[in-house]
Amino acid sequence: MTTPRDTLLLLDTASLYFRAFFGVPDSVRAPDGTPVNAVRGLLDMIARLVVDHRPARLVACWDDDWRPVFRVEAISSYKAHRVAREVPGTTGEEDVPPALAAQVPVIVEVLAALGIARVGVPGYEADDVIGTLVAREVALPAAERAAVGVVTGDRDLFQLVDDAAGVRILYPVKGVKDLAIIDQAALAEKYSVASGQAYADMAVLRGDPSDGLPGVVGIGEKTAAALIHRYGDLAGVLAARDSGDRGLTATQRQRLRDAAAYLEVAPMVVRVAPDAPIGVVSDALPHQPADPAALGALVARWGIASSVNRVLEALEAH
C-alpha cells in the first residue's frame, strides 16, 4: 500500500489556469494594473494540492501544441471552432482571452523560478504528456510505482483511470478545495462504464462537441455505454456491427455503418498518446525555490507575494 508521500501529481496546467482565470476576479492585478488572476489562482491551486495531497513528485504538464497535426489530419473538425486565426504552417491560433494569454509567460517564469517541473512536447497536447507519464509509471514494478493523481477539469482524461495501477483523476468541482475523486467506481456510477479504457471507447461513440468530434449520429452517452457494456469494448461493438449481431437494432447497425470512416480514425484522436517523446523528467517536488533571486523579481514585478508565499510554505512543509 502506498503512503501519501508516494504520490505523483500530474497537472493539466492549461485546464487549471483557464479555470483560475474565470474563477478569480480580474480585479486581482499587478502594481501596474495588469491582471494576474490566472497566475495567482494557479499558484493557490498548487499550494492547496501540495498541502492536501503531499506528493513527492509533481509535473505541470503543458500544451506545446493545443491542436496537434496528427489529430487534425484524422478529423479536420477537431477543435476547429476554437481557432481564432489561421496561421500558415500550423493548425491555427487558439482563441484565448488576451488578458489570459498575457499571463501564460508569467506562469512559465514563476514555475521555473520555483523549480516545479514543467513538461511539454512539440506536436502533442498536455493530455498526451500526462498519458505518457502515466504509462511510464504504470510500467514500473508495483513496488516502485507511485500512486498517480491527474488534476484536470477535462473529462477526456477519465480514460486514464486504473484502480489496479493506482491512477485516479482529481476533478475540480469548485477550485481545488472540492475535488471529485474519479476512480472506477465513480465511472461505473456516473457513466455506466467499468474502466478508463471503456470510458474512452464510449467517448468515441458518443463524440464530444466541445472538441469538434461528431460521434455516431443517434448514439448518445447512455446508448454508447450500454453497447460497450454488452460487447466489451469498441472492437466488440464493431465486430457485432459487421457480423449482423442481433443485439444491435437495425437502426444502430446502420448508424455504425454510416460512421465507419469516423470510427476508423476516432480512437487515435480520442485516446491520449502513451508514447510522446519525453526525455528524463526531474519531477521531485522542491523544498526551496530553484532561483530565489528570479522569484523575488517576479514577486515584485507582478505583485504575487501572497500566492508565492503560500506555495513556498507548502513546499517547505511537504
Protein backbone atom coordinates (compact mmCIF):
# COMPACT_ATOMS: atom_id res chain seq x y z
CA MET A 1 0.00 0.00 0.00
CA THR A 2 1.37 3.42 -0.91
CA THR A 3 1.76 6.26 1.56
CA PRO A 4 0.85 9.91 0.88
CA ARG A 5 4.50 10.63 0.04
CA ASP A 6 4.42 8.04 -2.74
CA THR A 7 2.14 10.23 -4.85
CA LEU A 8 2.86 11.71 -8.27
CA LEU A 9 0.61 14.62 -9.21
CA LEU A 10 0.25 15.47 -12.89
CA LEU A 11 -1.35 18.83 -13.58
CA ASP A 12 -3.33 19.52 -16.73
CA THR A 13 -1.98 23.03 -16.45
CA ALA A 14 -3.98 24.84 -19.12
CA SER A 15 -7.20 23.35 -17.76
CA LEU A 16 -6.29 24.73 -14.34
CA TYR A 17 -5.13 28.20 -15.39
CA PHE A 18 -8.25 28.65 -17.56
CA ARG A 19 -10.29 27.69 -14.50
CA ALA A 20 -8.31 30.15 -12.38
CA PHE A 21 -8.74 32.94 -14.93
CA PHE A 22 -12.52 32.60 -14.97
CA GLY A 23 -12.80 31.81 -11.26
CA VAL A 24 -10.67 34.60 -9.77
CA PRO A 25 -11.87 38.20 -10.27
CA ASP A 26 -9.92 40.20 -12.85
CA SER A 27 -9.64 42.91 -10.21
CA VAL A 28 -6.65 40.87 -8.96
CA ARG A 29 -3.91 42.86 -10.63
CA ALA A 30 -0.19 43.63 -10.61
CA PRO A 31 1.06 47.01 -9.33
CA ASP A 32 0.92 48.37 -12.89
CA GLY A 33 -2.70 47.27 -13.28
CA THR A 34 -2.07 44.14 -15.37
CA PRO A 35 -4.42 41.27 -14.47
CA VAL A 36 -2.69 38.39 -12.64
CA ASN A 37 -5.79 36.46 -11.62
CA ALA A 38 -4.76 33.32 -13.55
CA VAL A 39 -1.22 33.44 -12.15
CA ARG A 40 -2.35 33.81 -8.57
CA GLY A 41 -5.23 31.37 -8.95
CA LEU A 42 -2.96 28.65 -10.35
CA LEU A 43 -0.35 29.18 -7.64
CA ASP A 44 -3.02 28.99 -4.96
CA MET A 45 -4.25 25.72 -6.52
CA ILE A 46 -0.72 24.27 -6.45
CA ALA A 47 -0.25 25.27 -2.82
CA ARG A 48 -3.55 23.63 -1.87
CA LEU A 49 -2.74 20.46 -3.79
CA VAL A 50 0.65 20.12 -2.11
CA VAL A 51 -0.82 20.66 1.35
CA ASP A 52 -3.77 18.30 0.83
CA HIS A 53 -2.06 15.50 -1.13
CA ARG A 54 1.59 15.77 -0.04
CA PRO A 55 3.04 14.49 -3.31
CA ALA A 56 6.68 13.50 -3.56
CA ARG A 57 6.63 14.43 -7.26
CA LEU A 58 4.69 16.94 -9.34
CA VAL A 59 4.69 17.89 -13.03
CA ALA A 60 2.95 20.84 -14.64
CA CYS A 61 2.05 19.24 -17.99
CA TRP A 62 1.94 21.69 -20.88
CA ASP A 63 0.21 22.13 -24.22
CA ASP A 64 3.15 22.71 -26.56
CA ASP A 65 0.58 22.12 -29.31
CA TRP A 66 -3.07 22.69 -28.45
CA ARG A 67 -4.31 21.17 -31.76
CA PRO A 68 -1.81 18.58 -33.00
CA VAL A 69 -1.46 17.93 -36.72
CA PHE A 70 -1.95 14.17 -36.35
CA ARG A 71 -5.40 14.69 -34.81
CA VAL A 72 -6.47 17.35 -37.31
CA GLU A 73 -5.36 15.18 -40.24
CA ALA A 74 -7.53 12.39 -38.87
CA ILE A 75 -10.60 14.55 -38.10
CA SER A 76 -10.48 18.05 -39.57
CA SER A 77 -13.21 19.36 -37.23
CA TYR A 78 -11.05 18.61 -34.18
CA LYS A 79 -11.15 21.81 -32.07
CA ALA A 80 -11.83 23.78 -35.27
CA HIS A 81 -14.38 26.01 -33.52
CA ARG A 82 -11.65 27.21 -31.14
CA VAL A 83 -9.39 28.54 -33.88
CA ALA A 84 -9.15 32.30 -33.53
CA ARG A 85 -6.88 32.88 -36.51
CA GLU A 86 -5.47 30.75 -39.30
CA VAL A 87 -1.66 30.73 -39.30
CA PRO A 88 0.16 29.24 -42.30
CA GLY A 89 2.15 26.14 -41.44
CA THR A 90 0.17 25.49 -38.25
CA THR A 91 -3.27 24.21 -37.26
CA GLY A 92 -4.29 27.71 -36.17
CA GLU A 93 -4.06 30.04 -33.22
CA GLU A 94 -6.25 29.16 -30.25
CA ASP A 95 -8.96 31.55 -29.12
CA VAL A 96 -7.65 32.65 -25.72
CA PRO A 97 -8.74 35.83 -23.92
CA PRO A 98 -5.93 38.39 -24.33
CA ALA A 99 -5.83 39.01 -20.58
CA LEU A 100 -5.14 35.31 -20.04
CA ALA A 101 -2.66 34.93 -22.90
CA ALA A 102 -0.56 37.70 -21.36
CA GLN A 103 -0.33 35.78 -18.10
CA VAL A 104 0.86 32.45 -19.52
CA PRO A 105 4.52 33.56 -19.92
CA VAL A 106 4.44 34.78 -16.32
CA ILE A 107 3.23 31.35 -15.19
CA VAL A 108 6.14 29.77 -17.10
CA GLU A 109 8.67 32.04 -15.39
CA VAL A 110 7.24 31.54 -11.92
CA LEU A 111 7.17 27.75 -12.23
CA ALA A 112 10.81 27.79 -13.39
CA ALA A 113 11.89 30.03 -10.51
CA LEU A 114 10.09 27.78 -8.04
CA GLY A 115 11.73 24.70 -9.52
CA ILE A 116 8.47 22.94 -10.35
CA ALA A 117 8.85 20.65 -13.36
CA ARG A 118 7.03 21.81 -16.49
CA VAL A 119 6.89 19.40 -19.41
CA GLY A 120 5.56 19.86 -22.92
CA VAL A 121 6.35 18.15 -26.21
CA PRO A 122 6.19 19.78 -29.66
CA GLY A 123 3.32 18.30 -31.65
CA TYR A 124 1.48 16.99 -28.59
CA GLU A 125 -1.09 18.21 -26.09
CA ALA A 126 -0.74 18.20 -22.32
CA ASP A 127 -3.14 15.22 -22.34
CA ASP A 128 -0.50 13.26 -24.24
CA VAL A 129 2.24 14.31 -21.83
CA ILE A 130 0.05 13.10 -18.98
CA GLY A 131 -0.80 9.87 -20.79
CA THR A 132 2.87 9.16 -21.43
CA LEU A 133 3.96 9.88 -17.85
CA VAL A 134 1.13 7.68 -16.56
CA ALA A 135 2.18 4.86 -18.92
CA ARG A 136 5.76 5.13 -17.70
CA GLU A 137 4.69 4.93 -14.07
CA VAL A 138 2.33 2.03 -14.66
CA ALA A 139 5.13 0.13 -16.43
CA LEU A 140 7.26 0.14 -13.28
CA PRO A 141 7.25 -2.83 -10.90
CA ALA A 142 4.42 -2.46 -8.40
CA ALA A 143 6.83 -1.94 -5.51
CA GLU A 144 8.41 1.06 -7.27
CA ARG A 145 5.23 2.60 -8.63
CA ALA A 146 3.72 5.78 -7.18
CA ALA A 147 0.03 6.42 -6.86
CA VAL A 148 -0.85 8.89 -9.63
CA GLY A 149 -3.29 11.74 -9.31
CA VAL A 150 -4.16 13.58 -12.53
CA VAL A 151 -5.54 17.02 -11.71
CA THR A 152 -7.79 18.18 -14.55
CA GLY A 153 -11.12 19.73 -15.35
CA ASP A 154 -11.20 17.81 -18.65
CA ARG A 155 -13.27 14.62 -18.74
CA ASP A 156 -11.19 13.32 -21.66
CA LEU A 157 -8.60 12.19 -19.14
CA PHE A 158 -11.06 9.91 -17.35
CA GLN A 159 -9.75 7.30 -19.80
CA LEU A 160 -6.61 7.01 -17.64
CA VAL A 161 -8.43 5.78 -14.54
CA ASP A 162 -7.00 2.45 -13.44
CA ASP A 163 -7.61 1.22 -9.91
CA ALA A 164 -5.15 -1.65 -10.15
CA ALA A 165 -2.35 0.69 -11.22
CA GLY A 166 -3.28 3.37 -8.68
CA VAL A 167 -4.27 6.01 -11.25
CA ARG A 168 -7.18 8.30 -10.47
CA ILE A 169 -8.44 11.69 -11.59
CA LEU A 170 -8.78 14.63 -9.22
CA TYR A 171 -11.55 16.63 -10.86
CA PRO A 172 -12.13 20.18 -9.56
CA VAL A 173 -15.73 20.85 -8.64
CA LYS A 174 -15.00 24.24 -7.06
CA GLY A 175 -11.42 25.43 -7.13
CA VAL A 176 -9.27 22.65 -5.70
CA LYS A 177 -10.83 22.69 -2.27
CA ASP A 178 -13.57 20.42 -3.55
CA LEU A 179 -12.10 17.70 -5.76
CA ALA A 180 -14.16 14.81 -7.04
CA ILE A 181 -12.13 11.61 -6.92
CA ILE A 182 -12.73 9.75 -10.17
CA ASP A 183 -11.92 6.07 -9.85
CA GLN A 184 -13.52 3.03 -11.47
CA ALA A 185 -16.43 3.07 -9.01
CA ALA A 186 -17.13 6.70 -9.94
CA LEU A 187 -17.00 5.86 -13.66
CA ALA A 188 -19.43 2.99 -13.12
CA GLU A 189 -21.81 5.15 -11.09
CA LYS A 190 -21.83 8.20 -13.34
CA TYR A 191 -21.21 6.78 -16.82
CA SER A 192 -22.03 3.06 -16.51
CA VAL A 193 -18.59 2.05 -17.77
CA ALA A 194 -16.24 -0.23 -15.87
CA SER A 195 -12.82 1.23 -16.66
CA GLY A 196 -10.89 4.09 -18.14
CA GLN A 197 -10.48 2.17 -21.38
CA ALA A 198 -14.23 1.60 -21.55
CA TYR A 199 -14.74 5.34 -20.98
CA ALA A 200 -12.52 6.10 -24.00
CA ASP A 201 -14.46 3.64 -26.16
CA MET A 202 -17.74 5.16 -25.01
CA ALA A 203 -16.39 8.65 -25.78
CA VAL A 204 -15.54 7.61 -29.34
CA LEU A 205 -19.13 6.50 -29.96
CA ARG A 206 -20.69 9.46 -28.13
CA GLY A 207 -18.43 12.11 -29.61
CA ASP A 208 -17.70 15.46 -27.98
CA PRO A 209 -18.97 18.73 -29.48
CA SER A 210 -16.59 20.71 -27.26
CA ASP A 211 -13.69 19.09 -29.14
CA GLY A 212 -15.37 19.01 -32.54
CA LEU A 213 -15.81 15.23 -32.50
CA PRO A 214 -19.11 14.26 -34.14
CA GLY A 215 -19.51 10.77 -32.68
CA VAL A 216 -22.00 8.35 -34.19
CA VAL A 217 -25.25 10.10 -35.10
CA GLY A 218 -28.08 8.99 -32.83
CA ILE A 219 -25.84 7.24 -30.29
CA GLY A 220 -25.64 9.29 -27.13
CA GLU A 221 -23.81 8.63 -23.89
CA LYS A 222 -26.25 6.11 -22.41
CA THR A 223 -26.55 4.07 -25.59
CA ALA A 224 -22.78 4.16 -26.12
CA ALA A 225 -22.17 2.92 -22.56
CA ALA A 226 -24.75 0.17 -22.99
CA LEU A 227 -23.12 -1.02 -26.22
CA ILE A 228 -19.66 -1.08 -24.63
CA HIS A 229 -21.08 -3.00 -21.67
CA ARG A 230 -22.76 -5.53 -23.96
CA TYR A 231 -19.83 -6.13 -26.31
CA GLY A 232 -16.87 -5.46 -24.01
CA ASP A 233 -15.14 -2.74 -25.99
CA LEU A 234 -15.31 -0.72 -29.19
CA ALA A 235 -13.77 -3.53 -31.21
CA GLY A 236 -16.54 -5.80 -29.96
CA VAL A 237 -19.20 -3.28 -30.99
CA LEU A 238 -17.73 -3.04 -34.48
CA ALA A 239 -17.46 -6.82 -34.76
CA ALA A 240 -21.15 -7.06 -33.82
CA ARG A 241 -21.96 -4.48 -36.49
CA ASP A 242 -20.09 -6.41 -39.14
CA SER A 243 -21.46 -9.83 -38.17
CA GLY A 244 -25.08 -8.69 -38.05
CA ASP A 245 -25.36 -9.48 -34.33
CA ARG A 246 -28.99 -9.29 -33.26
CA GLY A 247 -28.06 -7.43 -30.09
CA LEU A 248 -27.89 -4.34 -32.29
CA THR A 249 -31.06 -2.89 -33.70
CA ALA A 250 -31.21 -2.41 -37.46
CA THR A 251 -31.03 1.35 -36.91
CA GLN A 252 -27.97 1.10 -34.66
CA ARG A 253 -26.24 -1.19 -37.13
CA GLN A 254 -26.89 1.24 -39.99
CA ARG A 255 -25.70 4.22 -37.96
CA LEU A 256 -22.50 2.41 -37.10
CA ARG A 257 -22.02 1.56 -40.78
CA ASP A 258 -22.64 5.17 -41.80
CA ALA A 259 -19.99 6.28 -39.30
CA ALA A 260 -17.39 3.73 -40.46
CA ALA A 261 -14.90 6.33 -41.70
CA TYR A 262 -15.15 8.29 -38.43
CA LEU A 263 -14.85 5.14 -36.31
CA GLU A 264 -11.70 4.10 -38.15
CA VAL A 265 -9.78 7.21 -37.07
CA ALA A 266 -11.58 8.47 -33.96
CA PRO A 267 -9.89 6.13 -31.44
CA MET A 268 -6.50 7.61 -32.31
CA VAL A 269 -7.88 11.12 -31.82
CA VAL A 270 -9.73 10.42 -28.57
CA ARG A 271 -7.11 8.29 -26.84
CA VAL A 272 -4.16 10.09 -25.31
CA ALA A 273 -0.72 9.14 -26.57
CA PRO A 274 1.16 6.79 -24.23
CA ASP A 275 4.47 7.31 -26.01
CA ALA A 276 5.11 11.01 -26.60
CA PRO A 277 8.88 11.63 -26.93
CA ILE A 278 9.58 12.89 -23.42
CA GLY A 279 13.09 12.75 -22.01
CA VAL A 280 14.04 12.19 -18.40
CA VAL A 281 11.89 14.35 -16.13
CA SER A 282 13.22 15.70 -12.84
CA ASP A 283 9.86 15.75 -11.12
CA ALA A 284 10.80 15.72 -7.43
CA LEU A 285 8.87 18.43 -5.63
CA PRO A 286 11.39 21.03 -4.41
CA HIS A 287 11.63 22.15 -0.80
CA GLN A 288 13.15 25.51 -1.75
CA PRO A 289 12.88 27.70 -4.87
CA ALA A 290 15.31 26.90 -7.66
CA ASP A 291 16.10 30.59 -8.30
CA PRO A 292 15.27 32.80 -5.28
CA ALA A 293 16.53 35.97 -6.99
CA ALA A 294 14.39 35.44 -10.08
CA LEU A 295 11.42 34.55 -7.93
CA GLY A 296 11.87 37.71 -5.86
CA ALA A 297 11.95 39.82 -9.01
CA LEU A 298 8.77 38.19 -10.30
CA VAL A 299 7.02 38.73 -6.98
CA ALA A 300 7.91 42.42 -7.03
CA ARG A 301 7.03 42.89 -10.71
CA TRP A 302 3.67 41.14 -10.59
CA GLY A 303 2.54 41.67 -7.01
CA ILE A 304 2.06 37.95 -6.32
CA ALA A 305 3.75 37.72 -2.92
CA SER A 306 0.85 36.15 -1.04
CA SER A 307 0.33 33.37 -3.58
CA VAL A 308 4.05 32.62 -3.93
CA ASN A 309 4.43 32.54 -0.16
CA ARG A 310 1.60 30.01 0.09
CA VAL A 311 3.43 27.77 -2.39
CA LEU A 312 6.75 28.19 -0.56
CA GLU A 313 5.16 27.35 2.78
CA ALA A 314 3.56 24.26 1.25
CA LEU A 315 6.87 23.15 -0.29
CA GLU A 316 8.79 23.66 2.95
CA ALA A 317 6.23 21.65 4.90
CA HIS A 318 5.88 18.76 2.48
